[in-house]
Amino acid sequence: MIIDRRKLELQQARASLSREELMQAANITVGAWNGLGIRNTTPKTVGKLAAALGCDVLDIIADRKED
């Protein structure tokens, strides 16, 4: 899964969380944070972020491109 950074930032703003607060709430590392939107993210990490933000995973993942 690829995280859409823009969608993630919108949800982060809605939750009024800083990057550090979100990383702590989701229990993810700086390395995991830095890879968001660049490389595939594990479903577990996507789920942790969505839970910390109080949103659905579909609200933060990139839309799939049609083949």
Protein backbone atom coordinates (compact mmCIF):
# COMPACT_ATOMS: atom_id res chain seq x y z
CA MET A 1 0.00 0.00 0.00
CA ILE A 2 1.18 3.50 -0.77
CA ILE A 3 0.24 6.33 1.55
CA ASP A 4 -0.95 9.53 -0.08
CA ARG A 5 1.03 12.19 1.83
CA ARG A 6 -1.51 14.91 1.02
CA LYS A 7 -4.39 12.82 2.36
CA LEU A 8 -2.34 11.89 5.42
CA GLU A 9 -1.56 15.54 6.13
CA LEU A 10 -5.24 16.48 5.80
CA GLN A 11 -6.23 13.83 8.33
CA GLN A 12 -3.33 14.89 10.56
CA ALA A 13 -4.57 18.50 10.47
CA ARG A 14 -8.12 17.38 11.29
CA ALA A 15 -6.75 15.51 14.30
CA SER A 16 -4.56 18.50 15.28
CA LEU A 17 -1.50 16.30 15.64
CA SER A 18 2.12 17.20 14.99
CA ARG A 19 4.33 14.74 13.15
CA GLU A 20 5.92 13.67 16.42
CA GLU A 21 2.55 13.26 18.14
CA LEU A 22 1.23 11.14 15.27
CA MET A 23 4.36 9.00 15.16
CA GLN A 24 4.09 8.40 18.91
CA ALA A 25 0.33 7.69 18.80
CA ALA A 26 0.80 5.25 15.90
CA ASN A 27 3.97 3.80 17.44
CA ILE A 28 5.95 4.09 14.20
CA THR A 29 9.62 4.89 13.70
CA VAL A 30 11.18 7.84 11.92
CA GLY A 31 12.31 5.42 9.21
CA ALA A 32 8.75 4.25 8.65
CA TRP A 33 7.55 7.87 8.59
CA ASN A 34 10.18 8.90 6.06
CA GLY A 35 9.15 6.08 3.72
CA LEU A 36 5.48 7.06 3.62
CA GLY A 37 4.39 7.89 0.10
CA ILE A 38 7.70 6.74 -1.36
CA ARG A 39 7.63 2.98 -0.90
CA ASN A 40 5.08 0.35 -0.04
CA THR A 41 3.86 0.56 3.53
CA THR A 42 2.80 -2.53 5.43
CA PRO A 43 -0.90 -2.95 6.15
CA LYS A 44 -0.05 -2.95 9.86
CA THR A 45 1.57 0.50 9.65
CA VAL A 46 -1.29 1.87 7.55
CA GLY A 47 -3.75 0.53 10.13
CA LYS A 48 -1.79 2.04 13.01
CA LEU A 49 -1.76 5.45 11.34
CA ALA A 50 -5.47 5.33 10.55
CA ALA A 51 -6.30 4.29 14.11
CA ALA A 52 -4.17 7.10 15.55
CA LEU A 53 -5.92 9.57 13.26
CA GLY A 54 -9.40 8.17 13.90
CA CYS A 55 -10.04 7.62 10.19
CA ASP A 56 -10.46 4.74 7.77
CA VAL A 57 -7.39 3.41 5.94
CA LEU A 58 -9.04 4.38 2.66
CA ASP A 59 -8.79 8.01 3.78
CA ILE A 60 -4.98 7.93 3.69
CA ILE A 61 -3.92 5.49 0.97
CA ALA A 62 -3.22 6.55 -2.61
CA ASP A 63 -5.84 5.84 -5.23
CA ARG A 64 -4.88 2.89 -7.43
CA LYS A 65 -4.03 3.69 -11.00
CA GLU A 66 -6.05 1.80 -13.54
CA ASP A 67 -4.00 -0.44 -15.85
